């Protein structure tokens, strides 16, 4: 039988490295503003950002539904990612 090449293929090792913190209600309901600098983490598996962007810091430039539009520098390109608020941590 051919093995699955789905979204989480070969990711079990990387997913084990994430923090063991539990998601709280306050973390799910936090409000971030446009212009805030945020740090990308992997707190949930529902809306998990691509592992390439884990640990990157970016700026919120807008909203897309209940998610945030984050601008991240990836080498010499600027990329825009749609990320759920649970996976973002505000940088002071």
Foldseek 3Di string as FASTA:
>chain_A
DDDDPDDCPPPPVVVVPADPDADDPCLQPPDDDFFFKKAFAAHDPPFGDDPVRHGFIFGFHAADVQWTWTWTDDPPDIDTDTGHSSRIDTDD
